[in-house]
Structure formats: structure tokens, C-alpha cells
Amino acid sequence: MAIKGQKYRSYPESMKMEAIRLHIEEKWTYRQITEPFGIQDKVRVKKWMKTYKQFGEFGFLDQRDRRHTYIDQDRYVQKLRRENHMLKKCWEIWMREVRSK
């Protein structure tokens, strides 16, 4: 449980990816990873591994209302295409009305 006034330490994405690489490729233990990087506990590295296995590199992106834009890019592109198609139809109807006058 958090203590009032407690400061949380954040680690850069590059450090997290390097720790994961060392664990997967070099077969380092969590304890071996925590010492050179100055990570406070091995549980944190375990959480990074779980996040990486579940979401890949996207799991380490800032999750404050931006993550969906990275994961759902295809949906966003499809939405823009639908809007573009609708605007083209509206433009054609408007041009027909202008020409008929």
C-alpha cells in the first residue's frame, strides 16, 4: 500500500526493453537484471515481462488515453475512409444542385 508522500520511480521505455531483452535472449535472472540497472525489486521486472507478453512493446507506451490510437490505427484509418467517402457523396449532391440552378 502506498504511503502518503511516497515518491514513485519511473523507468524509461528503453530500460524496460533492455531488461526484457536480457531476460529473454541472454537468460539473465530477474535478480541479475535489477542490480546493474538500479531497479528496486525483481517483482517490477516480472510485471514488465507480463506486460510485454500480453501487449508487446505497446504495453510500455503512456497509457493515459493514447494507447488506443497506437493499437487501433486500422480502425482509425477505416473511419477516415468512411468519412471521406461520405464527404465525396455530399460534394457530388451539392454540385448537382448548384449546376441545376
Protein backbone atom coordinates (compact mmCIF):
# COMPACT_ATOMS: atom_id res chain seq x y z
CA MET A 1 0.00 0.00 0.00
CA ALA A 2 1.21 3.48 -0.79
CA ILE A 3 2.41 5.75 1.95
CA LYS A 4 1.36 9.39 1.93
CA GLY A 5 4.08 11.48 0.27
CA GLN A 6 5.79 8.42 -1.20
CA LYS A 7 7.64 9.07 -4.44
CA TYR A 8 7.32 6.54 -7.22
CA ARG A 9 10.23 5.93 -9.52
CA SER A 10 9.55 5.61 -13.23
CA TYR A 11 11.84 3.87 -15.65
CA PRO A 12 12.29 4.79 -19.32
CA GLU A 13 10.92 2.51 -22.01
CA SER A 14 14.44 1.81 -23.31
CA MET A 15 15.50 0.43 -19.92
CA LYS A 16 12.44 -1.80 -19.75
CA MET A 17 13.06 -3.16 -23.25
CA GLU A 18 16.73 -3.80 -22.45
CA ALA A 19 15.77 -5.66 -19.26
CA ILE A 20 13.30 -7.79 -21.22
CA ARG A 21 15.89 -8.47 -23.91
CA LEU A 22 18.42 -9.59 -21.30
CA HIS A 23 15.90 -11.92 -19.72
CA ILE A 24 14.67 -13.45 -22.99
CA GLU A 25 17.85 -13.59 -25.09
CA GLU A 26 20.65 -13.67 -22.54
CA LYS A 27 18.70 -15.75 -19.99
CA TRP A 28 19.51 -13.38 -17.12
CA THR A 29 17.57 -13.87 -13.90
CA TYR A 30 15.41 -11.09 -12.52
CA ARG A 31 17.90 -10.52 -9.71
CA GLN A 32 20.79 -10.19 -12.20
CA ILE A 33 18.77 -7.59 -14.11
CA THR A 34 17.85 -5.48 -11.09
CA GLU A 35 21.41 -4.93 -9.84
CA PRO A 36 23.09 -3.13 -12.80
CA PHE A 37 20.01 -1.06 -13.65
CA GLY A 38 19.31 0.00 -10.09
CA ILE A 39 15.77 -1.36 -10.13
CA GLN A 40 14.40 -1.61 -6.62
CA ASP A 41 12.79 -5.05 -6.78
CA LYS A 42 12.59 -8.06 -9.07
CA VAL A 43 8.79 -8.06 -8.95
CA ARG A 44 8.82 -4.92 -11.09
CA VAL A 45 10.77 -6.74 -13.82
CA LYS A 46 8.32 -9.65 -13.61
CA LYS A 47 5.46 -7.19 -14.19
CA TRP A 48 7.28 -5.77 -17.21
CA MET A 49 7.65 -9.29 -18.61
CA LYS A 50 3.95 -9.98 -18.09
CA THR A 51 3.03 -6.71 -19.79
CA TYR A 52 5.40 -7.43 -22.67
CA LYS A 53 3.98 -10.93 -23.18
CA GLN A 54 0.43 -9.60 -23.13
CA PHE A 55 0.74 -6.38 -25.18
CA GLY A 56 4.21 -6.37 -26.73
CA GLU A 57 6.03 -3.05 -26.99
CA PHE A 58 2.69 -1.18 -26.93
CA GLY A 59 2.31 -2.15 -23.28
CA PHE A 60 5.03 0.31 -22.29
CA LEU A 61 3.54 3.32 -24.05
CA ASP A 62 1.95 6.04 -21.99
CA GLN A 63 -1.46 4.62 -21.16
CA ARG A 64 -3.24 7.87 -20.44
CA ASP A 65 -5.80 7.93 -23.25
CA ARG A 66 -3.23 7.44 -26.01
CA ARG A 67 -2.72 3.71 -26.15
CA HIS A 68 -5.84 3.05 -28.25
CA THR A 69 -4.53 5.29 -31.02
CA TYR A 70 -1.47 3.05 -31.41
CA ILE A 71 -3.32 -0.24 -31.26
CA ASP A 72 -6.41 0.76 -33.22
CA GLN A 73 -4.75 2.51 -36.15
CA ASP A 74 -6.57 0.33 -38.66
CA ARG A 75 -9.94 1.28 -37.19
CA TYR A 76 -8.99 4.94 -37.33
CA VAL A 77 -7.95 4.66 -41.00
CA GLN A 78 -11.22 2.89 -41.84
CA LYS A 79 -13.17 5.64 -40.07
CA LEU A 80 -11.35 8.31 -42.07
CA ARG A 81 -12.05 6.44 -45.32
CA ARG A 82 -15.78 6.26 -44.48
CA GLU A 83 -15.85 9.97 -43.68
CA ASN A 84 -14.00 10.75 -46.90
CA HIS A 85 -16.44 8.63 -48.92
CA MET A 86 -19.41 10.38 -47.27
CA LEU A 87 -17.96 13.82 -47.95
CA LYS A 88 -17.44 12.93 -51.60
CA LYS A 89 -21.09 11.92 -51.91
CA CYS A 90 -22.20 15.14 -50.24
CA TRP A 91 -19.96 17.11 -52.60
CA GLU A 92 -21.50 15.40 -55.65
CA ILE A 93 -25.05 16.16 -54.44
CA TRP A 94 -24.15 19.77 -53.75
CA MET A 95 -22.53 20.16 -57.20
CA ARG A 96 -25.67 18.74 -58.90
CA GLU A 97 -27.82 21.27 -57.04
CA VAL A 98 -25.51 24.14 -57.99
CA ARG A 99 -25.49 23.11 -61.68
CA SER A 100 -29.26 22.74 -61.82
CA LYS A 101 -29.77 26.33 -60.66
